[in-house]
Amino acid sequence: KKILERAREEIANPNRATFVYFAAWGSGLSMLSAIGDRSTTMDFTEFLRMLGDIELLYTHISVTEAARIFRRVCAVGSAEDGQFTFEHYREAMRLIAAVLKLPPPNESHSEAGAARGSDAVP
């Protein structure tokens, strides 16, 4: 199956609005997700949901591969409880690009999502 343009765009230019949207996912379901830093950092469940939403999970990235990337990024960022920031998210997109043999994220446009608003969010 071909990688969707939306997924390619998120990998090439990690969008802060997409990150924030999925980092806050679940805050209406669990008070824990809305407390402190947890509302602005992404956990593994939120990461999987984002990968599923852009149709990478199962078709291009396995849960096992996603877990490997998530653990690697969290260790690099020393996230004690399995959370990462937008900078860690950008690193995860770089690792996904390598797995999928796509060009790495464009460093000069990595903040573009903040200017675009939520156009990449469903």
Foldseek 3Di string as FASTA:
>chain_A
DDQDPLLVCCLQAPAQQLQLVLLQPCVVPDVVCVDDCSNQWHALVSVVVSCVVSPCYPVPADSVRSVVLQVVLCVVVVPPPRIGHLVSVLVSSQVSCVSNVHDGHDVVRNHVNVVVHNPSPD
